[in-house]
Amino acid sequence: VSLAVSQVSTSTPIPVPTPGTPVVGLAVTQDTNAIVRVAERVRPAVVSITSLQVSLDQFAQPVPEESGVGSGVIYDPNGLIITNNHVVEGADSVRVGLPDGRSFQGRIVGTDRQSDLAVVKVEATGLPYAELGDSSKLRVGEWVVAIGNALALDGGPTVTVGVVGALDRYINEGGNTLFDLIQTDAAINPGNSGGPLVNLAGQVIGINVAIARAPGAGIGFAISMNGARPVVDELARNGKITRPWLGVSLVSVSASIAEARGLPAKEGALVAQIVRTGPLARAGGRAGDIIVQVDDIPVKNVVTLLKAMAKHKVGDTVQITVARQGGRQTLSVLLEAMPN
């Protein structure tokens, strides 16, 4: 199940605490209209996105059918919209609906399965849009607002409120590891995927992507805006993301696994499989190696390795330290583009 939220700039000021200070419950109870004003600013920029797939009717004529409904947030007045990749994946076309009743044919500008982000565009100008914020300033316990098309209910987007429960979370979703996630207890429901999570300054600080599947968990996750922004920018420019790769399959190493298997390192990323013609193999890496450091960044598990690699681009040379029986070795690896 996924979630969504959104926000939009207007001329109405929103009283908020001094930047850099945590937002606490007292600030909200003293100004009960703070969330109302955030919702009024944000809600006009939250859109519904209906994915359509073409099938043939009994007369072999093409007929578009709805294959899914999600949310998105307009972040540019000229029609650029952020959503999740899984909202539009496999769609032949998309239809975008605004809370004011307008509807547009959308064009999928670009998608990225690994980050579960996508950019959609509608041909319109002067649209309500959301200001993108700085998620690095978030603090645990800060109030946040989620807005999205929950359950595809009529009457426009739904607004829910919660707090930042944790930062820098990661989950495995759809075969991918999503990291740099914001955890929140703002209520989210099917249909909310792809919308933004908003702070009380009226800024989008996350793109909601999933909820915990455990019964009664009440926990949702949003891709941090600082993590999403570079992906969104590249999708808007190029329509795709070009990432470097090492040519390996990896497994996280823990102290208990290392002890049970007699591994040469108590933490890191174990190379379970390696492509013989891949960058790491050509630099001298081999299956069974444990990657323990990338440049000067210690690697504790697969997630920390992914985060370290996200700082690099194709053509960079990185120093990767591996632990193997007999000691440690640092390999100079020239990064290449990940194959499609």
Protein backbone atom coordinates (compact mmCIF):
# COMPACT_ATOMS: atom_id res chain seq x y z
CA VAL A 1 0.00 0.00 0.00
CA SER A 2 1.32 3.46 -0.77
CA LEU A 3 0.79 7.01 0.32
CA ALA A 4 0.87 10.57 -0.89
CA VAL A 5 0.85 14.24 0.07
CA SER A 6 1.29 17.65 -1.49
CA GLN A 7 1.80 21.38 -1.05
CA VAL A 8 1.55 24.60 -3.00
CA SER A 9 2.80 28.13 -2.61
CA THR A 10 0.42 31.08 -2.27
CA SER A 11 0.76 34.61 -1.06
CA THR A 12 -0.77 33.77 2.34
CA PRO A 13 1.99 33.67 4.98
CA ILE A 14 2.12 30.71 7.34
CA PRO A 15 3.46 31.43 10.82
CA VAL A 16 6.13 28.86 11.64
CA PRO A 17 8.92 28.52 14.18
CA THR A 18 12.35 29.96 13.47
CA PRO A 19 14.08 27.88 10.76
CA GLY A 20 16.24 25.16 12.26
CA THR A 21 14.11 24.73 15.37
CA PRO A 22 11.85 21.71 15.83
CA VAL A 23 8.12 22.07 15.33
CA VAL A 24 6.43 20.98 18.55
CA GLY A 25 2.86 20.25 19.47
CA LEU A 26 2.54 23.51 21.43
CA ALA A 27 3.01 25.54 18.24
CA VAL A 28 0.11 23.73 16.63
CA THR A 29 -2.24 23.94 19.61
CA GLN A 30 -1.59 27.67 19.95
CA ASP A 31 -2.44 28.22 16.29
CA THR A 32 -5.12 25.72 15.34
CA ASN A 33 -5.34 27.20 11.84
CA ALA A 34 -1.70 26.46 10.94
CA ILE A 35 -2.53 23.11 9.36
CA VAL A 36 -5.65 24.58 7.75
CA ARG A 37 -3.54 27.19 5.99
CA VAL A 38 -0.99 24.59 4.89
CA ALA A 39 -3.80 22.49 3.43
CA GLU A 40 -5.30 25.49 1.65
CA ARG A 41 -1.96 26.26 0.05
CA VAL A 42 -1.02 22.69 -0.79
CA ARG A 43 -4.24 21.02 -1.81
CA PRO A 44 -4.66 22.85 -5.18
CA ALA A 45 -1.36 21.32 -6.38
CA VAL A 46 -2.19 17.72 -5.48
CA VAL A 47 -3.37 15.83 -8.55
CA SER A 48 -4.91 12.46 -9.22
CA ILE A 49 -3.08 10.36 -11.81
CA THR A 50 -5.03 7.64 -13.59
CA SER A 51 -2.96 5.14 -15.56
CA LEU A 52 -4.56 3.80 -18.74
CA GLN A 53 -3.71 0.68 -20.70
CA VAL A 54 -5.09 -0.08 -24.15
CA SER A 55 -6.87 -3.38 -24.75
CA LEU A 56 -8.95 -4.66 -27.65
CA ASP A 57 -12.72 -4.99 -27.44
CA GLN A 58 -14.80 -7.75 -29.06
CA PHE A 59 -14.53 -5.95 -32.39
CA ALA A 60 -10.72 -5.73 -32.14
CA GLN A 61 -10.93 -1.99 -31.53
CA PRO A 62 -8.49 -0.38 -29.05
CA VAL A 63 -10.15 0.65 -25.78
CA PRO A 64 -8.33 2.46 -22.95
CA GLU A 65 -8.95 0.94 -19.52
CA GLU A 66 -7.94 2.19 -16.09
CA SER A 67 -5.05 0.17 -14.67
CA GLY A 68 -4.40 2.17 -11.51
CA VAL A 69 -4.91 5.45 -9.69
CA GLY A 70 -2.39 7.40 -7.64
CA SER A 71 -1.39 10.93 -6.70
CA GLY A 72 1.17 13.48 -7.75
CA VAL A 73 2.25 17.01 -6.95
CA ILE A 74 2.76 19.87 -9.39
CA TYR A 75 6.14 21.47 -8.69
CA ASP A 76 6.35 23.77 -11.70
CA PRO A 77 3.58 26.14 -12.93
CA ASN A 78 4.21 24.95 -16.48
CA GLY A 79 2.90 21.48 -15.72
CA LEU A 80 5.70 19.31 -14.33
CA ILE A 81 4.48 16.76 -11.78
CA ILE A 82 6.33 14.40 -9.43
CA THR A 83 4.82 10.98 -8.74
CA ASN A 84 5.95 7.41 -8.10
CA ASN A 85 7.19 5.14 -10.83
CA HIS A 86 4.80 2.40 -9.72
CA VAL A 87 1.85 4.76 -10.28
CA VAL A 88 2.57 5.07 -14.02
CA GLU A 89 4.60 1.93 -14.73
CA GLY A 90 3.20 0.03 -17.70
CA ALA A 91 0.75 2.79 -18.62
CA ASP A 92 0.05 3.52 -22.27
CA SER A 93 -1.22 6.97 -21.25
CA VAL A 94 -2.15 8.90 -18.12
CA ARG A 95 -4.93 11.26 -17.18
CA VAL A 96 -4.26 14.02 -14.65
CA GLY A 97 -7.05 15.56 -12.59
CA LEU A 98 -6.78 18.77 -10.54
CA PRO A 99 -8.85 19.51 -7.43
CA ASP A 100 -10.49 22.43 -9.27
CA GLY A 101 -12.10 19.97 -11.70
CA ARG A 102 -9.78 20.43 -14.65
CA SER A 103 -8.50 17.31 -16.39
CA PHE A 104 -5.50 16.94 -18.72
CA GLN A 105 -3.88 14.28 -20.83
CA GLY A 106 -0.50 13.67 -19.21
CA ARG A 107 2.80 12.77 -20.85
CA ILE A 108 5.25 10.55 -19.00
CA VAL A 109 8.53 12.48 -19.23
CA GLY A 110 10.65 9.88 -17.48
CA THR A 111 10.57 7.07 -14.97
CA ASP A 112 13.11 5.48 -12.63
CA ARG A 113 12.26 2.11 -11.13
CA GLN A 114 15.22 2.05 -8.74
CA SER A 115 14.13 5.19 -6.87
CA ASP A 116 10.40 4.65 -7.59
CA LEU A 117 10.11 8.19 -8.96
CA ALA A 118 8.60 9.54 -12.17
CA VAL A 119 7.93 12.89 -13.82
CA VAL A 120 4.70 13.58 -15.72
CA LYS A 121 3.88 16.73 -17.71
CA VAL A 122 0.62 18.35 -18.72
CA GLU A 123 0.40 21.05 -21.38
CA ALA A 124 -0.79 24.00 -19.31
CA THR A 125 0.62 27.16 -17.77
CA GLY A 126 -0.09 29.12 -14.63
CA LEU A 127 -0.91 26.02 -12.63
CA PRO A 128 -0.86 25.95 -8.81
CA TYR A 129 2.45 24.44 -7.74
CA ALA A 130 4.30 23.32 -4.63
CA GLU A 131 7.55 24.65 -3.24
CA LEU A 132 10.19 21.95 -2.79
CA GLY A 133 11.85 22.13 0.62
CA ASP A 134 15.09 21.00 2.27
CA SER A 135 14.53 17.64 3.96
CA SER A 136 17.92 17.79 5.70
CA LYS A 137 16.38 20.27 8.16
CA LEU A 138 13.73 17.81 9.34
CA ARG A 139 13.78 16.67 12.95
CA VAL A 140 12.19 13.66 14.58
CA GLY A 141 8.92 14.72 16.18
CA GLU A 142 8.25 17.54 13.71
CA TRP A 143 4.67 17.87 12.49
CA VAL A 144 4.00 16.98 8.85
CA VAL A 145 0.93 17.02 6.62
CA ALA A 146 0.04 14.35 4.07
CA ILE A 147 -2.35 15.14 1.24
CA GLY A 148 -3.44 12.69 -1.41
CA ASN A 149 -6.24 11.01 -3.30
CA ALA A 150 -6.95 8.39 -0.67
CA LEU A 151 -9.05 5.49 -1.95
CA ALA A 152 -9.84 7.60 -5.06
CA LEU A 153 -12.66 9.24 -3.09
CA ASP A 154 -14.76 11.89 -4.80
CA GLY A 155 -14.43 15.47 -3.61
CA GLY A 156 -10.70 16.03 -3.92
CA PRO A 157 -7.59 15.14 -1.94
CA THR A 158 -7.64 13.99 1.67
CA VAL A 159 -5.56 15.76 4.34
CA THR A 160 -3.98 13.89 7.27
CA VAL A 161 -1.52 14.98 9.95
CA GLY A 162 1.25 13.22 11.83
CA VAL A 163 4.84 13.57 12.93
CA VAL A 164 8.24 12.55 11.63
CA GLY A 165 8.79 9.26 13.43
CA ALA A 166 12.32 8.61 12.19
CA LEU A 167 14.78 9.66 9.50
CA ASP A 168 17.14 7.78 7.20
CA ARG A 169 15.02 4.64 7.09
CA TYR A 170 15.27 2.06 4.31
CA ILE A 171 12.88 -0.60 3.02
CA ASN A 172 12.79 -3.24 0.32
CA GLU A 173 9.93 -2.42 -2.03
CA GLY A 174 9.18 -4.04 -5.37
CA GLY A 175 12.59 -5.69 -5.56
CA ASN A 176 14.43 -2.42 -4.89
CA THR A 177 16.07 -1.05 -1.77
CA LEU A 178 14.73 2.45 -1.12
CA PHE A 179 16.83 4.51 1.28
CA ASP A 180 16.93 8.04 2.73
CA LEU A 181 13.30 7.59 3.70
CA ILE A 182 11.24 9.64 6.14
CA GLN A 183 9.05 7.62 8.48
CA THR A 184 5.71 9.17 9.48
CA ASP A 185 2.49 8.21 11.22
CA ALA A 186 0.34 10.54 9.10
CA ALA A 187 -2.53 8.34 7.94
CA ILE A 188 -2.11 7.17 4.36
CA ASN A 189 -4.16 4.87 2.17
CA PRO A 190 -4.20 3.25 -1.29
CA GLY A 191 -4.37 5.97 -3.93
CA ASN A 192 -2.00 8.30 -2.11
CA SER A 193 1.17 7.03 -3.79
CA GLY A 194 3.27 9.74 -5.43
CA GLY A 195 2.12 12.79 -3.52
CA PRO A 196 4.27 14.91 -1.22
CA LEU A 197 4.77 15.07 2.51
CA VAL A 198 4.71 18.72 3.66
CA ASN A 199 6.16 20.57 6.64
CA LEU A 200 4.37 23.37 8.47
CA ALA A 201 6.33 25.91 6.40
CA GLY A 202 4.29 24.72 3.43
CA GLN A 203 7.23 22.99 1.72
CA VAL A 204 7.33 19.53 0.17
CA ILE A 205 9.95 17.58 2.09
CA GLY A 206 9.13 14.08 0.85
CA ILE A 207 7.33 12.00 -1.77
CA ASN A 208 5.26 9.33 -0.07
CA VAL A 209 5.94 5.88 -1.40
CA ALA A 210 4.81 3.04 0.89
CA ILE A 211 3.30 1.97 4.18
CA ALA A 212 4.31 -0.83 6.51
CA ARG A 213 2.35 -3.96 5.67
CA ALA A 214 2.14 -5.30 9.23
CA PRO A 215 -1.48 -5.23 10.46
CA GLY A 216 -2.17 -2.08 12.45
CA ALA A 217 1.34 -0.74 11.92
CA GLY A 218 0.25 2.81 11.06
CA ILE A 219 3.68 3.66 9.66
CA GLY A 220 4.36 5.22 6.29
CA PHE A 221 7.49 6.13 4.37
CA ALA A 222 8.36 9.04 2.08
CA ILE A 223 11.36 9.51 -0.19
CA SER A 224 13.27 12.48 1.20
CA MET A 225 13.10 15.55 -1.03
CA ASN A 226 16.88 15.93 -1.02
CA GLY A 227 17.15 12.38 -2.30
CA ALA A 228 14.36 12.80 -4.83
CA ARG A 229 15.34 16.18 -6.26
CA PRO A 230 18.45 15.07 -8.26
CA VAL A 231 16.47 12.17 -9.75
CA VAL A 232 13.52 14.39 -10.62
CA ASP A 233 15.78 17.02 -12.20
CA GLU A 234 17.55 14.43 -14.36
CA LEU A 235 14.28 12.83 -15.41
CA ALA A 236 12.91 16.23 -16.42
CA ARG A 237 16.08 16.94 -18.46
CA ASN A 238 16.87 13.56 -19.99
CA GLY A 239 13.85 11.33 -19.46
CA LYS A 240 15.97 8.66 -17.78
CA ILE A 241 18.59 8.12 -15.08
CA THR A 242 22.10 6.98 -15.95
CA ARG A 243 23.71 5.29 -12.95
CA PRO A 244 27.10 3.68 -12.42
CA TRP A 245 27.28 0.03 -11.42
CA LEU A 246 29.81 -2.43 -10.07
CA GLY A 247 28.46 -5.58 -11.74
CA VAL A 248 27.74 -7.51 -8.56
CA SER A 249 24.96 -9.05 -6.48
CA LEU A 250 25.35 -8.21 -2.81
CA VAL A 251 24.32 -9.49 0.62
CA SER A 252 24.67 -7.54 3.86
CA VAL A 253 27.10 -9.00 6.42
CA SER A 254 26.41 -8.89 10.14
CA ALA A 255 28.56 -10.03 13.07
CA SER A 256 26.44 -13.16 13.57
CA ILE A 257 26.64 -14.11 9.86
CA ALA A 258 30.37 -13.46 9.81
CA GLU A 259 30.93 -15.66 12.85
CA ALA A 260 28.72 -18.47 11.56
CA ARG A 261 30.41 -18.54 8.16
CA GLY A 262 33.93 -17.63 9.20
CA LEU A 263 33.99 -14.47 7.09
CA PRO A 264 37.00 -12.12 7.18
CA ALA A 265 34.92 -9.05 8.19
CA LYS A 266 32.13 -8.55 10.74
CA GLU A 267 30.22 -6.06 8.60
CA GLY A 268 30.10 -4.94 4.98
CA ALA A 269 28.57 -6.02 1.68
CA LEU A 270 29.37 -9.55 0.54
CA VAL A 271 29.85 -10.07 -3.20
CA ALA A 272 27.55 -13.04 -3.74
CA GLN A 273 27.82 -12.97 -7.54
CA ILE A 274 29.98 -10.97 -9.92
CA VAL A 275 29.77 -10.22 -13.64
CA ARG A 276 33.10 -11.26 -15.12
CA THR A 277 33.15 -8.31 -17.51
CA GLY A 278 31.86 -5.81 -14.94
CA PRO A 279 33.82 -2.91 -13.42
CA LEU A 280 34.63 -4.56 -10.08
CA ALA A 281 35.74 -7.84 -11.68
CA ARG A 282 38.05 -6.02 -14.10
CA ALA A 283 39.58 -4.18 -11.16
CA GLY A 284 40.40 -7.49 -9.44
CA GLY A 285 37.26 -8.11 -7.41
CA ARG A 286 35.84 -11.59 -7.05
CA ALA A 287 32.90 -13.45 -5.60
CA GLY A 288 33.29 -13.89 -1.84
CA ASP A 289 34.91 -10.50 -1.33
CA ILE A 290 33.39 -8.29 1.36
CA ILE A 291 33.28 -4.62 0.43
CA VAL A 292 34.16 -2.72 3.61
CA GLN A 293 34.94 0.78 2.31
CA VAL A 294 34.26 3.08 -0.65
CA ASP A 295 36.84 5.85 -0.80
CA ASP A 296 36.82 7.07 2.83
CA ILE A 297 33.27 5.88 3.61
CA PRO A 298 32.99 2.73 5.77
CA VAL A 299 30.52 0.18 4.38
CA LYS A 300 28.42 -1.43 7.11
CA ASN A 301 25.88 -3.13 4.84
CA VAL A 302 24.41 -3.04 1.33
CA VAL A 303 22.45 0.15 2.06
CA THR A 304 25.53 2.15 3.07
CA LEU A 305 27.25 0.90 -0.10
CA LEU A 306 24.30 2.05 -2.24
CA LYS A 307 24.35 5.46 -0.56
CA ALA A 308 28.09 5.79 -1.14
CA MET A 309 27.74 4.82 -4.80
CA ALA A 310 24.90 7.34 -5.25
CA LYS A 311 27.46 10.10 -4.74
CA HIS A 312 29.31 9.05 -7.90
CA LYS A 313 28.63 9.24 -11.61
CA VAL A 314 29.63 7.25 -14.67
CA GLY A 315 33.30 7.78 -15.46
CA ASP A 316 34.39 8.29 -11.85
CA THR A 317 37.17 6.15 -10.41
CA VAL A 318 36.49 4.95 -6.88
CA GLN A 319 38.72 3.22 -4.37
CA ILE A 320 36.95 0.13 -3.06
CA THR A 321 38.45 -1.79 -0.17
CA VAL A 322 37.56 -5.47 0.08
CA ALA A 323 38.21 -7.99 2.83
CA ARG A 324 39.12 -11.51 1.77
CA GLN A 325 40.94 -14.43 3.30
CA GLY A 326 44.52 -13.26 3.71
CA GLY A 327 43.84 -9.58 4.34
CA ARG A 328 42.37 -6.46 2.80
CA GLN A 329 42.97 -4.99 -0.62
CA THR A 330 42.02 -1.65 -2.18
CA LEU A 331 40.88 -1.78 -5.80
CA SER A 332 40.73 1.16 -8.20
CA VAL A 333 37.40 0.80 -10.02
CA LEU A 334 36.36 2.79 -13.10
CA LEU A 335 32.59 3.15 -12.98
CA GLU A 336 30.52 2.37 -16.07
CA ALA A 337 26.87 2.94 -16.93
CA MET A 338 24.44 0.38 -15.60
CA PRO A 339 23.06 -1.70 -18.49
CA ASN A 340 19.37 -1.29 -19.27
